[in-house]
Amino acid sequence: MEEPLDITYYLGPQGVELLNNLDVPLSNGEIVSINLRDELPEDPLEIITFLETENVPRQFWVSVAGGYAQNGKLEEAQSVAEKGLSKLVGFLEEDKKALQGFLTWLYLKKVLLGIEKNSNINRARESIEKLQAVGGNKELSNLLLKAIVYLFEDRFDKALEILDRVLKENGNNCFALMAKAQIILNKTKNYSNALKLYQQVLVTNPTMSPDPRIGVGICFWFLKDESMAIQAWKRALELNPSNIKAKILVVLSEFNNAFNNSLSDEEFKHNYTTCLKQVSTLYKENVNDISILLVLASYFLSKGDYDTVEKIVNKIRASILGEDKFELYTASKLSGKLSSFQSVALSQCFYWLGRVSFNKNDFTQSQKYFHESIKLNESNLLAKLGLGQSQYNRGSVEESLITFESILKTNPKCLEVLYLLGCLYSKQSSRRKQEAAIHILEKYIRLSNNKGYSNPQEFSEFYKREPVILNSYLILSELYESRDFTQSLVYLQKAVESRKQVLLEAPLEVYNNIGVFNFMKNNFALAVENFSSAVQVAEKDSQGSSSQLIDDIKITLSFNLARSKEEISEEEATSSNIQKDSVDVYDTILKEQPAYYSAKLRLLFLQCLSTELPKKEILEALETLLSDNDSNLEVRSFYGWFIKNFGKKLGLVGDSDANHQKETLVQYNSHDCYALVSLANIYCIMARDLKDNDNNKKRKYYIRAVELFAKVLSVDSKNVFAAQGLAIVYLENKEVEKGLEILRKIRDSLNDISIYVNLGHAYAECKQFSKSIEHYEIALARFSDGNDTRLLTFLGKTWYMRGLYEKNLNYLKKAKQYAEEVLEKSGGTSAAFKFNVAYIDYQIAEFITKQRADLRSVDEIKSAILNLNTAITILKELALDEEKNPPYPKSELNQRALLGQNTLLNRLNMSLEETVSNIENVEQRLEEAKKLRREEEDRKLKEEEERNRQLALKEEEMAKERLKLQEQAQQWAEEQRANIGVDESDGDGDYNNNGGDAGDAGGDDSNKKKRKKNAAKPGRRGKKKAAVVDDIINDDSEESAVSSGEEQEPNSAKASPKKRKKKAAIVDDEEEDDVDEPDNSKKRKKKALSKEIIEDSDDELDDDLFGDDNE
């Protein structure tokens, strides 16, 4: 057995039974049990009499009144409570306060149910004042009553203040928590905090009424968790199947699902019908519920039953205001008298009345209703959208723009306002507004593709995409048309794809535009494909419909198809088959619509290009067509073109073209752009043909041409032919900057081949050949298949001019390559192209002959000679009688051929001989220079070898000298040691015995003392040692200096002992054996000096030369 889903689940059967039973004690001591749910009498007087007779306490009065209230019998409950208050005997003040409080709650219950709201609110306020008068201001129940009254009056701050006081005393007071959650939900929109409060109530008291699950579901709904919201409401219904609010919320959620998540029309129809049945059932249960009535108003409006909508709205108004005439009340009069719910409900009523008036095309009245709706509810987005649409339909475009812009500021992701604003901006003439339209519509498409719910398991792509209105793609394509053909074409293709996604065909106009854009981009094959598909669709539609519109569109599509095939035929044409497919289509069109002159003009144009029909017959047919359509500007324009190009061949007067254009402007349309441009071009030609000495007349013609071009631009600011004509006039009058500026502006605004060609001409005229070549190449790559002989000729001419200007032979060769390519692509039969090749060969030959000999090459001259012979042959062939269309008079061609053969060829041969001779001379000089360089290098090498040999000899001699010095030093060292031994064996007696030598002995003795003193100074001695060794080993050049100074006095030697003693030692050593001095004193002094030096150097010599001690 399933468990119950009502309050019994929480309290159990016994608990529920106890709640429903009331045990009343009688005066005789017995107890009477009354079931408050089933046993209360219909007439409350019976139970009132019973309570008065038994004189029961006040809680039984409150219980009985509460029983009536629980059963929905509010009037009976009010009678019991009021009777209890009127009882004077047996009740204390506290009892009366309890009954007064109950009565106040009862008034508020009626307000909640919409029963006499204003009067019951006033009664509740008066009842609260009575409670305050008897000291009930601080009681919890009375505080809650006061908060609820504030809540009904939308005085949220005061209500919240009281509720916070209550919750401070009792944080789990469910009623206070519910009221606070409602305030947060409605005022601050803080759904997370409100959800926490509702959940706290649910945990504290799961059986509370009103059910907190309603609030939980609402919070989840606004937090975008719709599944949890629906689950909460359905749970509330399980616990209380009669909960009308839960039922309404569940049904509204199903409506939302039907509108947003239906994947097909059939599914939507099924879901919507199911929801309507549920609403019908709810309406039968509660005919006065405002939410249900508003849903029904939406349904009847969609059916077009406007009277029923007005009846429903009036019913809602009566339940809120209690008045009969809805129109008497405006938002200003109702301000401050309504609760927030009432304001929202009345705002919806005004909104639906506005919709009714809008559908009846009464836009003034609908605007008034929408205004009132917005005043009652500032957040009513639908009313704001309706207001903007009403303003637009009344012709107040600026007002509607302001309205939609204000909506976009507060609702930046509203798809409807994005689409409407994009449409309105697109119709403005301001470029800034059109740019804004592009931005807004692209944002609309982007948001539409990402809008909705994601369902990763199935239908995910459908859930994420909102259907994009087809017109948004078309508007974007139109806006991009003047900016970027490619992007415009992309949006047209997206429009087709969007229709195919819903298994529908795009309008034929879309296919036609796609074909036109491909045609303008020179994608003729794609254009033919699109036009063919559109024609097939049109034929299919025409079979099941007799609409004249489809037949007219089919004619246009067929004409465009033939026009595209024309271009393909030109690319693939042969002499025997020119535009045959196009001609067949034009003939078919003319059979269906003989008056379709555009097809007739194209046929005549194709006949002009062919040779099948004589031009005389074409002229007759054209004159017939002109006589039948003399005011048709297209026919007149074609007639002017024909007589301009073929008039001379047909013998027409020379100025027939000018007269025809003047007639068009004077008699038919003074603003015909073609006639104005043609006439301006005629003036330009007349100015060019004048001689240079007639400058005044030439200037007059140019001024007239400028005036005509300017008039065309005033009529059609995007007329590229007039703009280019104006630029060309400036260029021809040497106002280069003005002309180039106009051409650059045209290039930036219109993507057309003529712009780049004229820019190439202009830059070439300004000697800016690199820029000229760049623009020709752009035109060749972007607007042709690379085989356009006209553009290739321009390129060749520019390279030729650049080569002459910059004196660069390679540029001339580049020009010849282009000339040969043009000749090859033309079939090799064109006399003009042959002449171009020959002419460039002449110029190359001329250029080479003028070059310095050192800049020429033999190969280039030989190639020039060969090419010049070929060029002479070509000129002779062009001068033959068989050539019907020579580019120049044949006599001039013969003269040029003779010039090349007799003069230029000889000059080339001379240049060749000169160049060869120069090369030989150069080579000879190079050989001589090389020989001289080799001889110089050999001479330098020999000198270097001799120098190295001398250095080696010198090194060898120096080595021998060093060896000799080392041996001599060794010998001196040995002699010194021997001398030291002799000195030691000689005593002082020698000096004593030989008195004549006492002075000398004294000198020797003094020298010995000096040596002893010097021996005590090793640092000084070390310095002497180093100096002596250096002198012995390295200083050979000092010998002569020492010899010249050896006759100096001893005193002077003592003054500089180091330097002088060293020199004396060296000289004494070298000349001791050879010089025999007669003066003994001098000889002794010499020996003493030498001895002193050697004695001072003994240790040094022992250490440095032999190293005996170290060994």
Foldseek 3Di string as FASTA:
>chain_A
DDDALACCVPQNPVRVQVLQWDWFAAPVGDTDIAGLQPRQDPQLVVVLVVCVVRVTALVVLQSNLVSCVVNVNLVSSLVSLVSVLVDDPNDDPVSNLVSLLSNLVSLVVCLVVLHVNVVSLVVSVVSLVVCVVSPNPPPLSSLQSVLVSCQQLVVNVVSLVSLVVSCVVPVLPLSSLLSNLVSCCPPVVPLVVSLVSLVSSCVSPVNDPVHSLQSNLVSCVVVVNNVSSLVSLVSSCSHPVPPLSSLLVNLVVLLVCLVQPQPDPVSSVVSVVVSVVSLVVSCVVPVLDLSSLLVVLVVCVVVVVLVSNLVSLQSNVCSQPVDRDPVVDFLVNCPSVGGLVNLQSNLSSLQSVLSNCVVVVVLVSSLRSLVRSCSSPVPPLSSLLSNLVSCVSVVNLVVSLVSLVVSCVVVVLDLVSLQVQLVSLLPDPDPVSPVVSLVSLVSSQVCQQQDADADPPPPRNVRRHHQDDLVSLQSNLVSCVQPPLVVSLVSLVVSQVSQVVVPHGDDLVSLQVNLVSCVVQVVLVVSLVSLVVSLVVLVVVVVVDVDPVSVVSNLVSLLSNLVSLQSVCVVVPDLVDHSPVSLVSLVVSCVVPVPPVVSVLVVLVSCVVHDPDDVVVSLVVLVVVCVVVVQDLVSLLSNLVSCCVCVVVVPHDPCPSLVSLVCNLPPHNVQSLSSLLVNLVVLQVVLVPDDPVPVVSSVVSLVSSLVSLVSNCVVPVLPVSSLQSNLVSCLVVVVLVVSLVSLVVNVNRDPDLVSLQSNLVSCLSVVVLVSSLVSLVCSCVRVHPNLPLVSLLSNLVSLCSNCVVVVPLVSLVVSLVSLVSSCVSVVVPDQVSLLSNLVSLLVSLVSLLPDDLVPDDLVSLVVSLVSNVVSLVSLQVLLDPVNDDHPDHSVVSPVVSCCSVPPSSVSSVVSNVVNVVVVVVVVVVVVVVVVVVVVVVVVVVVVVVVVVVVVVVVVVVLVVLLVVLLVLLVVVLVVLVVVVVVVVVDDCVVCVVDVVCVVVVVVLVVLVVVLVVVVVPVVVLVVLLVVLVCCSRPPPVCQVVLVVPLPDDVVVCVVPVRPNLSSLLVNCSVCVVPDDDPDVVSVVVSVSSNSSSCVSNNVSCCCPSPNVVVD
